[in-house]
PDB file of N, CA and C in Angstrom:
ATOM      1  N   UNK A   1       0.761  -1.156   0.029  1.00  0.00           N
ATOM      2  CA  UNK A   1       0.006  -0.001  -0.163  1.00  0.00           C
ATOM      3  C   UNK A   1       0.642   1.412  -0.093  1.00  0.00           C
ATOM      4  N   UNK A   2       2.025   1.305   0.708  1.00  0.00           N
ATOM      5  CA  UNK A   2       2.764   2.282   0.983  1.00  0.00           C
ATOM      6  C   UNK A   2       3.437   2.593  -0.751  1.00  0.00           C
ATOM      7  N   UNK A   3       3.716   1.536  -1.493  1.00  0.00           N
ATOM      8  CA  UNK A   3       4.235   2.112  -2.686  1.00  0.00           C
ATOM      9  C   UNK A   3       3.190   2.654  -3.474  1.00  0.00           C
ATOM     10  N   UNK A   4       1.795   1.784  -3.476  1.00  0.00           N
ATOM     11  CA  UNK A   4       0.627   2.361  -4.630  1.00  0.00           C
ATOM     12  C   UNK A   4       0.283   3.571  -4.015  1.00  0.00           C
ATOM     13  N   UNK A   5       0.221   4.231  -2.881  1.00  0.00           N
ATOM     14  CA  UNK A   5      -0.066   5.190  -2.588  1.00  0.00           C
ATOM     15  C   UNK A   5       0.998   6.601  -2.581  1.00  0.00           C
ATOM     16  N   UNK A   6       2.201   6.206  -2.934  1.00  0.00           N
ATOM     17  CA  UNK A   6       3.095   7.195  -3.271  1.00  0.00           C
ATOM     18  C   UNK A   6       3.034   7.022  -4.656  1.00  0.00           C
ATOM     19  N   UNK A   7       2.821   6.059  -5.557  1.00  0.00           N
ATOM     20  CA  UNK A   7       2.740   6.213  -7.059  1.00  0.00           C
ATOM     21  C   UNK A   7       1.875   7.206  -7.483  1.00  0.00           C
ATOM     22  N   UNK A   8       0.471   6.657  -6.695  1.00  0.00           N
ATOM     23  CA  UNK A   8      -0.999   7.957  -7.085  1.00  0.00           C
ATOM     24  C   UNK A   8      -1.046   9.198  -6.621  1.00  0.00           C
ATOM     25  N   UNK A   9      -0.248   9.533  -5.769  1.00  0.00           N
ATOM     26  CA  UNK A   9       0.235  10.497  -5.364  1.00  0.00           C
ATOM     27  C   UNK A   9       1.209  11.521  -6.667  1.00  0.00           C
ATOM     28  N   UNK A  10       2.007  11.019  -7.031  1.00  0.00           N
ATOM     29  CA  UNK A  10       2.882  11.184  -8.125  1.00  0.00           C
ATOM     30  C   UNK A  10       1.904  11.208  -9.322  1.00  0.00           C
ATOM     31  N   UNK A  11       1.173  10.704  -9.722  1.00  0.00           N
ATOM     32  CA  UNK A  11       0.178  10.276 -10.784  1.00  0.00           C
ATOM     33  C   UNK A  11      -0.752  11.780 -10.814  1.00  0.00           C
ATOM     34  N   UNK A  12      -1.231  11.984  -9.689  1.00  0.00           N
ATOM     35  CA  UNK A  12      -2.452  12.875  -9.530  1.00  0.00           C
ATOM     36  C   UNK A  12      -1.962  14.152  -8.898  1.00  0.00           C
ATOM     37  N   UNK A  13      -0.786  14.325  -9.056  1.00  0.00           N
ATOM     38  CA  UNK A  13       0.122  15.519  -9.029  1.00  0.00           C
ATOM     39  C   UNK A  13      -0.569  16.863  -9.940  1.00  0.00           C
ATOM     40  N   UNK A  14      -1.138  17.852  -9.333  1.00  0.00           N
ATOM     41  CA  UNK A  14      -1.606  19.159  -9.792  1.00  0.00           C
ATOM     42  C   UNK A  14      -3.202  19.046  -9.752  1.00  0.00           C
ATOM     43  N   UNK A  15      -3.763  18.211  -9.268  1.00  0.00           N
ATOM     44  CA  UNK A  15      -5.076  17.808  -8.820  1.00  0.00           C
ATOM     45  C   UNK A  15      -5.103  18.300  -7.515  1.00  0.00           C
ATOM     46  N   UNK A  16      -6.239  18.184  -6.928  1.00  0.00           N
ATOM     47  CA  UNK A  16      -6.876  18.892  -5.628  1.00  0.00           C
ATOM     48  C   UNK A  16      -7.164  17.963  -4.981  1.00  0.00           C
ATOM     49  N   UNK A  17      -6.448  16.716  -4.911  1.00  0.00           N
ATOM     50  CA  UNK A  17      -6.688  15.331  -4.543  1.00  0.00           C
ATOM     51  C   UNK A  17      -5.962  14.890  -3.642  1.00  0.00           C
ATOM     52  N   UNK A  18      -6.020  14.723  -2.482  1.00  0.00           N
ATOM     53  CA  UNK A  18      -5.129  14.615  -0.865  1.00  0.00           C
ATOM     54  C   UNK A  18      -5.287  12.587  -1.149  1.00  0.00           C
ATOM     55  N   UNK A  19      -4.018  12.335  -0.991  1.00  0.00           N
ATOM     56  CA  UNK A  19      -3.904  11.051  -0.752  1.00  0.00           C
ATOM     57  C   UNK A  19      -3.372  10.642   0.539  1.00  0.00           C
ATOM     58  N   UNK A  20      -3.774   9.907   1.520  1.00  0.00           N
ATOM     59  CA  UNK A  20      -3.248   9.311   3.012  1.00  0.00           C
ATOM     60  C   UNK A  20      -3.315   7.980   2.859  1.00  0.00           C
ATOM     61  N   UNK A  21      -2.198   7.304   3.373  1.00  0.00           N
ATOM     62  CA  UNK A  21      -2.341   5.637   3.702  1.00  0.00           C
ATOM     63  C   UNK A  21      -2.022   5.724   5.197  1.00  0.00           C
ATOM     64  N   UNK A  22      -3.278   5.107   5.564  1.00  0.00           N
ATOM     65  CA  UNK A  22      -3.457   4.928   7.031  1.00  0.00           C
ATOM     66  C   UNK A  22      -3.148   3.522   7.521  1.00  0.00           C
ATOM     67  N   UNK A  23      -2.027   3.106   8.088  1.00  0.00           N
ATOM     68  CA  UNK A  23      -1.673   2.019   8.159  1.00  0.00           C
ATOM     69  C   UNK A  23      -1.598   1.666   9.722  1.00  0.00           C
ATOM     70  N   UNK A  24      -2.769   0.863  10.268  1.00  0.00           N
ATOM     71  CA  UNK A  24      -2.811   0.537  11.493  1.00  0.00           C
ATOM     72  C   UNK A  24      -2.388  -0.714  11.876  1.00  0.00           C
ATOM     73  N   UNK A  25      -1.935  -0.808  13.312  1.00  0.00           N
ATOM     74  CA  UNK A  25      -1.334  -2.150  13.541  1.00  0.00           C
ATOM     75  C   UNK A  25      -2.821  -2.942  14.149  1.00  0.00           C
ATOM     76  N   UNK A  26      -2.737  -3.572  15.510  1.00  0.00           N
ATOM     77  CA  UNK A  26      -3.584  -4.272  15.848  1.00  0.00           C
ATOM     78  C   UNK A  26      -4.824  -3.747  16.356  1.00  0.00           C
ATOM     79  N   UNK A  27      -6.134  -3.912  15.828  1.00  0.00           N
ATOM     80  CA  UNK A  27      -7.266  -3.546  16.032  1.00  0.00           C
ATOM     81  C   UNK A  27      -8.474  -4.360  16.444  1.00  0.00           C
ATOM     82  N   UNK A  28      -8.959  -4.567  17.577  1.00  0.00           N
ATOM     83  CA  UNK A  28     -10.053  -5.395  17.929  1.00  0.00           C
ATOM     84  C   UNK A  28     -11.577  -5.352  17.232  1.00  0.00           C
ATOM     85  N   UNK A  29     -11.505  -5.613  15.842  1.00  0.00           N
ATOM     86  CA  UNK A  29     -12.172  -5.581  14.898  1.00  0.00           C
ATOM     87  C   UNK A  29     -13.070  -7.106  14.822  1.00  0.00           C
ATOM     88  N   UNK A  30     -13.962  -7.226  13.795  1.00  0.00           N
ATOM     89  CA  UNK A  30     -14.955  -8.543  13.535  1.00  0.00           C
ATOM     90  C   UNK A  30     -13.543  -9.223  12.617  1.00  0.00           C
ATOM     91  N   UNK A  31     -12.524  -8.806  11.821  1.00  0.00           N
ATOM     92  CA  UNK A  31     -11.779  -9.006  10.944  1.00  0.00           C
ATOM     93  C   UNK A  31     -11.096 -10.681  11.239  1.00  0.00           C
ATOM     94  N   UNK A  32     -10.717 -10.822  12.198  1.00  0.00           N
ATOM     95  CA  UNK A  32     -10.437 -12.035  12.649  1.00  0.00           C
ATOM     96  C   UNK A  32     -11.234 -13.120  12.904  1.00  0.00           C
ATOM     97  N   UNK A  33     -12.691 -12.686  13.304  1.00  0.00           N
ATOM     98  CA  UNK A  33     -13.783 -13.762  13.124  1.00  0.00           C
ATOM     99  C   UNK A  33     -13.962 -14.107  11.539  1.00  0.00           C
ATOM    100  N   UNK A  34     -13.938 -13.387  10.742  1.00  0.00           N
ATOM    101  CA  UNK A  34     -14.250 -13.744   9.152  1.00  0.00           C
ATOM    102  C   UNK A  34     -13.232 -14.425   8.779  1.00  0.00           C
ATOM    103  N   UNK A  35     -11.483 -13.880   9.405  1.00  0.00           N
ATOM    104  CA  UNK A  35     -10.725 -14.432   8.942  1.00  0.00           C
ATOM    105  C   UNK A  35     -10.497 -16.331   9.131  1.00  0.00           C
ATOM    106  N   UNK A  36     -11.313 -16.200  10.648  1.00  0.00           N
ATOM    107  CA  UNK A  36     -11.060 -17.925  11.164  1.00  0.00           C
ATOM    108  C   UNK A  36     -12.824 -18.199  10.942  1.00  0.00           C
ATOM    109  N   UNK A  37     -13.563 -17.823   9.913  1.00  0.00           N
ATOM    110  CA  UNK A  37     -14.801 -17.908   9.777  1.00  0.00           C
ATOM    111  C   UNK A  37     -15.969 -18.492  10.506  1.00  0.00           C
ATOM    112  N   UNK A  38     -15.670 -17.759  11.318  1.00  0.00           N
ATOM    113  CA  UNK A  38     -16.591 -17.543  12.511  1.00  0.00           C
ATOM    114  C   UNK A  38     -16.544 -18.029  13.898  1.00  0.00           C
ATOM    115  N   UNK A  39     -15.125 -18.752  13.825  1.00  0.00           N
ATOM    116  CA  UNK A  39     -14.433 -19.627  15.184  1.00  0.00           C
ATOM    117  C   UNK A  39     -14.182 -18.467  16.064  1.00  0.00           C
ATOM    118  N   UNK A  40     -15.187 -18.068  16.886  1.00  0.00           N
ATOM    119  CA  UNK A  40     -15.031 -17.053  17.822  1.00  0.00           C
ATOM    120  C   UNK A  40     -13.773 -17.211  18.945  1.00  0.00           C
ATOM    121  N   UNK A  41     -13.428 -18.453  19.419  1.00  0.00           N
ATOM    122  CA  UNK A  41     -12.333 -18.964  20.004  1.00  0.00           C
ATOM    123  C   UNK A  41     -10.880 -18.310  19.393  1.00  0.00           C
ATOM    124  N   UNK A  42     -10.904 -18.923  18.316  1.00  0.00           N
ATOM    125  CA  UNK A  42      -9.615 -18.378  17.585  1.00  0.00           C
ATOM    126  C   UNK A  42      -9.518 -16.846  17.359  1.00  0.00           C
ATOM    127  N   UNK A  43     -10.383 -16.267  16.729  1.00  0.00           N
ATOM    128  CA  UNK A  43     -10.598 -14.977  16.655  1.00  0.00           C
ATOM    129  C   UNK A  43     -10.380 -13.973  17.819  1.00  0.00           C
ATOM    130  N   UNK A  44     -10.939 -14.274  19.232  1.00  0.00           N
ATOM    131  CA  UNK A  44     -10.821 -13.891  20.350  1.00  0.00           C
ATOM    132  C   UNK A  44      -9.333 -13.904  20.927  1.00  0.00           C
ATOM    133  N   UNK A  45      -8.655 -15.161  20.526  1.00  0.00           N
ATOM    134  CA  UNK A  45      -7.194 -15.351  20.958  1.00  0.00           C
ATOM    135  C   UNK A  45      -6.138 -14.467  20.287  1.00  0.00           C
ATOM    136  N   UNK A  46      -6.613 -13.591  19.325  1.00  0.00           N
ATOM    137  CA  UNK A  46      -5.774 -12.742  18.514  1.00  0.00           C
ATOM    138  C   UNK A  46      -5.603 -11.536  19.387  1.00  0.00           C
ATOM    139  N   UNK A  47      -6.795 -11.194  20.523  1.00  0.00           N
ATOM    140  CA  UNK A  47      -6.750  -9.923  21.079  1.00  0.00           C
ATOM    141  C   UNK A  47      -6.671 -10.052  22.221  1.00  0.00           C
ATOM    142  N   UNK A  48      -6.351 -11.584  22.707  1.00  0.00           N
ATOM    143  CA  UNK A  48      -6.116 -11.641  24.334  1.00  0.00           C
ATOM    144  C   UNK A  48      -4.796 -11.352  24.682  1.00  0.00           C
ATOM    145  N   UNK A  49      -4.801 -11.037  26.014  1.00  0.00           N
ATOM    146  CA  UNK A  49      -3.486 -10.561  26.892  1.00  0.00           C
ATOM    147  C   UNK A  49      -2.592  -9.580  26.210  1.00  0.00           C
ATOM    148  N   UNK A  50      -3.057  -8.883  25.283  1.00  0.00           N
ATOM    149  CA  UNK A  50      -2.315  -7.639  24.582  1.00  0.00           C
ATOM    150  C   UNK A  50      -2.103  -6.883  25.724  1.00  0.00           C
ATOM    151  N   UNK A  51      -0.637  -6.714  26.145  1.00  0.00           N
ATOM    152  CA  UNK A  51      -0.073  -5.932  27.282  1.00  0.00           C
ATOM    153  C   UNK A  51      -0.159  -4.662  27.234  1.00  0.00           C
ATOM    154  N   UNK A  52      -0.198  -3.729  28.126  1.00  0.00           N
ATOM    155  CA  UNK A  52      -0.391  -1.931  28.002  1.00  0.00           C
ATOM    156  C   UNK A  52      -1.412  -1.476  27.470  1.00  0.00           C
ATOM    157  N   UNK A  53      -2.668  -2.066  27.936  1.00  0.00           N
ATOM    158  CA  UNK A  53      -4.042  -1.559  27.337  1.00  0.00           C
ATOM    159  C   UNK A  53      -4.800  -2.188  26.516  1.00  0.00           C
ATOM    160  N   UNK A  54      -4.132  -3.147  25.920  1.00  0.00           N
ATOM    161  CA  UNK A  54      -4.584  -3.753  24.552  1.00  0.00           C
ATOM    162  C   UNK A  54      -4.449  -3.471  23.633  1.00  0.00           C
ATOM    163  N   UNK A  55      -5.223  -3.967  22.851  1.00  0.00           N
ATOM    164  CA  UNK A  55      -5.013  -3.472  21.174  1.00  0.00           C
ATOM    165  C   UNK A  55      -5.907  -2.101  21.045  1.00  0.00           C
ATOM    166  N   UNK A  56      -5.927  -1.744  19.747  1.00  0.00           N
ATOM    167  CA  UNK A  56      -6.373  -0.511  19.299  1.00  0.00           C
ATOM    168  C   UNK A  56      -7.913  -0.556  19.350  1.00  0.00           C
ATOM    169  N   UNK A  57      -9.134   0.295  19.319  1.00  0.00           N
ATOM    170  CA  UNK A  57     -10.110   0.186  19.206  1.00  0.00           C
ATOM    171  C   UNK A  57     -10.586   0.585  17.243  1.00  0.00           C
ATOM    172  N   UNK A  58     -11.728   0.296  16.881  1.00  0.00           N
ATOM    173  CA  UNK A  58     -12.202   0.910  15.692  1.00  0.00           C
ATOM    174  C   UNK A  58     -11.788   2.735  15.883  1.00  0.00           C
ATOM    175  N   UNK A  59     -12.181   3.179  17.014  1.00  0.00           N
ATOM    176  CA  UNK A  59     -12.180   4.199  16.998  1.00  0.00           C
ATOM    177  C   UNK A  59     -10.970   5.350  16.843  1.00  0.00           C
ATOM    178  N   UNK A  60     -10.235   4.507  17.575  1.00  0.00           N
ATOM    179  CA  UNK A  60      -8.558   4.972  17.567  1.00  0.00           C
ATOM    180  C   UNK A  60      -8.059   5.297  16.175  1.00  0.00           C
ATOM    181  N   UNK A  61      -8.643   4.183  15.367  1.00  0.00           N
ATOM    182  CA  UNK A  61      -7.907   4.348  13.944  1.00  0.00           C
ATOM    183  C   UNK A  61      -8.923   5.625  13.160  1.00  0.00           C
ATOM    184  N   UNK A  62     -10.077   5.838  13.682  1.00  0.00           N
ATOM    185  CA  UNK A  62     -11.332   6.700  13.027  1.00  0.00           C
ATOM    186  C   UNK A  62     -10.385   7.960  13.316  1.00  0.00           C
ATOM    187  N   UNK A  63      -9.909   8.311  14.561  1.00  0.00           N
ATOM    188  CA  UNK A  63      -9.233   9.518  14.987  1.00  0.00           C
ATOM    189  C   UNK A  63      -8.462  10.090  13.980  1.00  0.00           C
ATOM    190  N   UNK A  64      -7.259   9.159  13.985  1.00  0.00           N
ATOM    191  CA  UNK A  64      -6.572   9.204  12.841  1.00  0.00           C
ATOM    192  C   UNK A  64      -7.048   9.991  11.641  1.00  0.00           C
ATOM    193  N   UNK A  65      -7.566   9.068  11.041  1.00  0.00           N
ATOM    194  CA  UNK A  65      -8.505   9.577   9.697  1.00  0.00           C
ATOM    195  C   UNK A  65      -9.233  10.910   9.536  1.00  0.00           C
ATOM    196  N   UNK A  66      -9.735  10.867  10.537  1.00  0.00           N
ATOM    197  CA  UNK A  66     -10.352  12.355  10.737  1.00  0.00           C
ATOM    198  C   UNK A  66      -9.438  13.465  10.740  1.00  0.00           C
ATOM    199  N   UNK A  67      -8.247  13.061  11.656  1.00  0.00           N
ATOM    200  CA  UNK A  67      -7.191  14.337  11.466  1.00  0.00           C
ATOM    201  C   UNK A  67      -6.702  14.361  10.405  1.00  0.00           C
ATOM    202  N   UNK A  68      -6.575  13.311   9.512  1.00  0.00           N
ATOM    203  CA  UNK A  68      -6.080  13.868   8.065  1.00  0.00           C
ATOM    204  C   UNK A  68      -7.067  14.440   7.351  1.00  0.00           C
ATOM    205  N   UNK A  69      -8.176  13.922   7.330  1.00  0.00           N
ATOM    206  CA  UNK A  69      -9.079  14.515   6.654  1.00  0.00           C
ATOM    207  C   UNK A  69     -10.036  16.005   6.786  1.00  0.00           C
ATOM    208  N   UNK A  70      -9.197  16.621   8.316  1.00  0.00           N
ATOM    209  CA  UNK A  70      -9.492  17.808   8.560  1.00  0.00           C
ATOM    210  C   UNK A  70      -8.466  18.901   8.443  1.00  0.00           C
ATOM    211  N   UNK A  71      -7.695  18.703   7.462  1.00  0.00           N
ATOM    212  CA  UNK A  71      -6.281  19.563   7.504  1.00  0.00           C
ATOM    213  C   UNK A  71      -6.941  20.421   6.240  1.00  0.00           C
ATOM    214  N   UNK A  72      -6.147  21.570   6.812  1.00  0.00           N
ATOM    215  CA  UNK A  72      -6.516  22.616   5.462  1.00  0.00           C
ATOM    216  C   UNK A  72      -6.205  22.209   4.124  1.00  0.00           C
ATOM    217  N   UNK A  73      -6.764  22.546   3.034  1.00  0.00           N
ATOM    218  CA  UNK A  73      -6.874  22.242   1.964  1.00  0.00           C
ATOM    219  C   UNK A  73      -5.500  22.189   1.154  1.00  0.00           C
ATOM    220  N   UNK A  74      -4.497  22.670   1.618  1.00  0.00           N
ATOM    221  CA  UNK A  74      -3.133  23.033   1.022  1.00  0.00           C
ATOM    222  C   UNK A  74      -2.489  21.878   1.797  1.00  0.00           C
ATOM    223  N   UNK A  75      -2.976  21.025   2.731  1.00  0.00           N
ATOM    224  CA  UNK A  75      -2.248  20.068   3.633  1.00  0.00           C
ATOM    225  C   UNK A  75      -2.607  18.704   3.370  1.00  0.00           C
ATOM    226  N   UNK A  76      -1.406  17.921   3.020  1.00  0.00           N
ATOM    227  CA  UNK A  76      -1.863  16.151   2.629  1.00  0.00           C
ATOM    228  C   UNK A  76      -1.025  15.523   3.922  1.00  0.00           C
ATOM    229  N   UNK A  77      -1.813  14.825   4.588  1.00  0.00           N
ATOM    230  CA  UNK A  77      -0.962  13.966   5.566  1.00  0.00           C
ATOM    231  C   UNK A  77      -0.577  12.802   4.599  1.00  0.00           C
ATOM    232  N   UNK A  78       0.699  12.681   4.267  1.00  0.00           N
ATOM    233  CA  UNK A  78       1.223  11.500   3.324  1.00  0.00           C
ATOM    234  C   UNK A  78       0.912  10.133   3.788  1.00  0.00           C
ATOM    235  N   UNK A  79       1.235   9.844   5.259  1.00  0.00           N
ATOM    236  CA  UNK A  79       1.044   8.543   5.917  1.00  0.00           C
ATOM    237  C   UNK A  79       0.883   8.495   7.383  1.00  0.00           C
ATOM    238  N   UNK A  80       0.010   7.859   7.858  1.00  0.00           N
ATOM    239  CA  UNK A  80      -0.276   7.535   9.175  1.00  0.00           C
ATOM    240  C   UNK A  80      -0.075   6.187   9.533  1.00  0.00           C
ATOM    241  N   UNK A  81       0.966   5.758  10.291  1.00  0.00           N
ATOM    242  CA  UNK A  81       1.209   4.568  10.968  1.00  0.00           C
ATOM    243  C   UNK A  81       0.861   4.276  12.563  1.00  0.00           C
ATOM    244  N   UNK A  82      -0.034   3.793  12.830  1.00  0.00           N
ATOM    245  CA  UNK A  82      -0.465   3.804  14.070  1.00  0.00           C
ATOM    246  C   UNK A  82      -0.622   2.335  14.773  1.00  0.00           C
ATOM    247  N   UNK A  83       0.069   2.003  16.065  1.00  0.00           N
ATOM    248  CA  UNK A  83       0.062   0.871  16.584  1.00  0.00           C
ATOM    249  C   UNK A  83      -0.537   0.785  18.325  1.00  0.00           C
ATOM    250  N   UNK A  84      -1.129  -0.332  18.606  1.00  0.00           N
ATOM    251  CA  UNK A  84      -1.184  -0.445  19.944  1.00  0.00           C
ATOM    252  C   UNK A  84       0.456  -0.188  21.111  1.00  0.00           C
ATOM    253  N   UNK A  85       0.384   0.491  21.584  1.00  0.00           N
ATOM    254  CA  UNK A  85       1.502   0.841  22.391  1.00  0.00           C
ATOM    255  C   UNK A  85       2.340  -0.563  23.017  1.00  0.00           C
ATOM    256  N   UNK A  86       1.648  -1.779  22.909  1.00  0.00           N
ATOM    257  CA  UNK A  86       2.492  -2.980  23.074  1.00  0.00           C
ATOM    258  C   UNK A  86       3.083  -3.739  21.902  1.00  0.00           C
ATOM    259  N   UNK A  87       3.071  -2.747  20.653  1.00  0.00           N
ATOM    260  CA  UNK A  87       2.971  -3.538  19.351  1.00  0.00           C
ATOM    261  C   UNK A  87       4.380  -2.731  19.039  1.00  0.00           C
ATOM    262  N   UNK A  88       5.247  -3.520  18.306  1.00  0.00           N
ATOM    263  CA  UNK A  88       6.420  -2.456  17.467  1.00  0.00           C
ATOM    264  C   UNK A  88       6.526  -2.935  15.999  1.00  0.00           C
ATOM    265  N   UNK A  89       6.049  -4.038  15.578  1.00  0.00           N
ATOM    266  CA  UNK A  89       5.708  -4.406  14.051  1.00  0.00           C
ATOM    267  C   UNK A  89       4.315  -5.195  14.010  1.00  0.00           C
ATOM    268  N   UNK A  90       4.326  -5.439  12.963  1.00  0.00           N
ATOM    269  CA  UNK A  90       3.179  -6.447  12.420  1.00  0.00           C
ATOM    270  C   UNK A  90       3.041  -7.672  13.210  1.00  0.00           C
ATOM    271  N   UNK A  91       3.858  -8.235  13.822  1.00  0.00           N
ATOM    272  CA  UNK A  91       4.453  -9.776  14.086  1.00  0.00           C
ATOM    273  C   UNK A  91       4.734  -9.426  15.712  1.00  0.00           C
ATOM    274  N   UNK A  92       5.605  -8.434  16.055  1.00  0.00           N
ATOM    275  CA  UNK A  92       6.019  -8.226  17.291  1.00  0.00           C
ATOM    276  C   UNK A  92       4.930  -7.330  18.308  1.00  0.00           C
ATOM    277  N   UNK A  93       4.202  -8.381  18.971  1.00  0.00           N
ATOM    278  CA  UNK A  93       3.144  -7.652  20.026  1.00  0.00           C
ATOM    279  C   UNK A  93       3.540  -8.226  21.444  1.00  0.00           C
ATOM    280  N   UNK A  94       3.889  -7.659  22.333  1.00  0.00           N
ATOM    281  CA  UNK A  94       4.076  -7.765  23.684  1.00  0.00           C
ATOM    282  C   UNK A  94       2.539  -8.197  24.875  1.00  0.00           C
ATOM    283  N   UNK A  95       2.886  -9.713  24.927  1.00  0.00           N
ATOM    284  CA  UNK A  95       1.671 -10.204  25.741  1.00  0.00           C
ATOM    285  C   UNK A  95       2.243 -10.187  27.031  1.00  0.00           C
ATOM    286  N   UNK A  96       0.881  -9.970  28.067  1.00  0.00           N
ATOM    287  CA  UNK A  96       0.882  -9.997  29.414  1.00  0.00           C
ATOM    288  C   UNK A  96       1.189 -11.589  29.702  1.00  0.00           C
TER     289      UNK A  96
END
């Protein structure tokens, strides 16, 4: 996505279109329930025992999106990488 949004910004240069890449870490949503085909135990296990306050909530990501959307028309937020405090990368999540 990073490369795609960079290329899109280049392709749309000169047009009044803002492109923002929002890259969230672990967020407690129904995604895992879909991923594990309705297996609630497997889905819930993804979010269990995440240290330091747990995974993010959808509202946390929505706040970031709202921030990007409400900048002045001449400002483009290029990229927002947001993760739970216990997460340092996609696969590194501190558990209690």
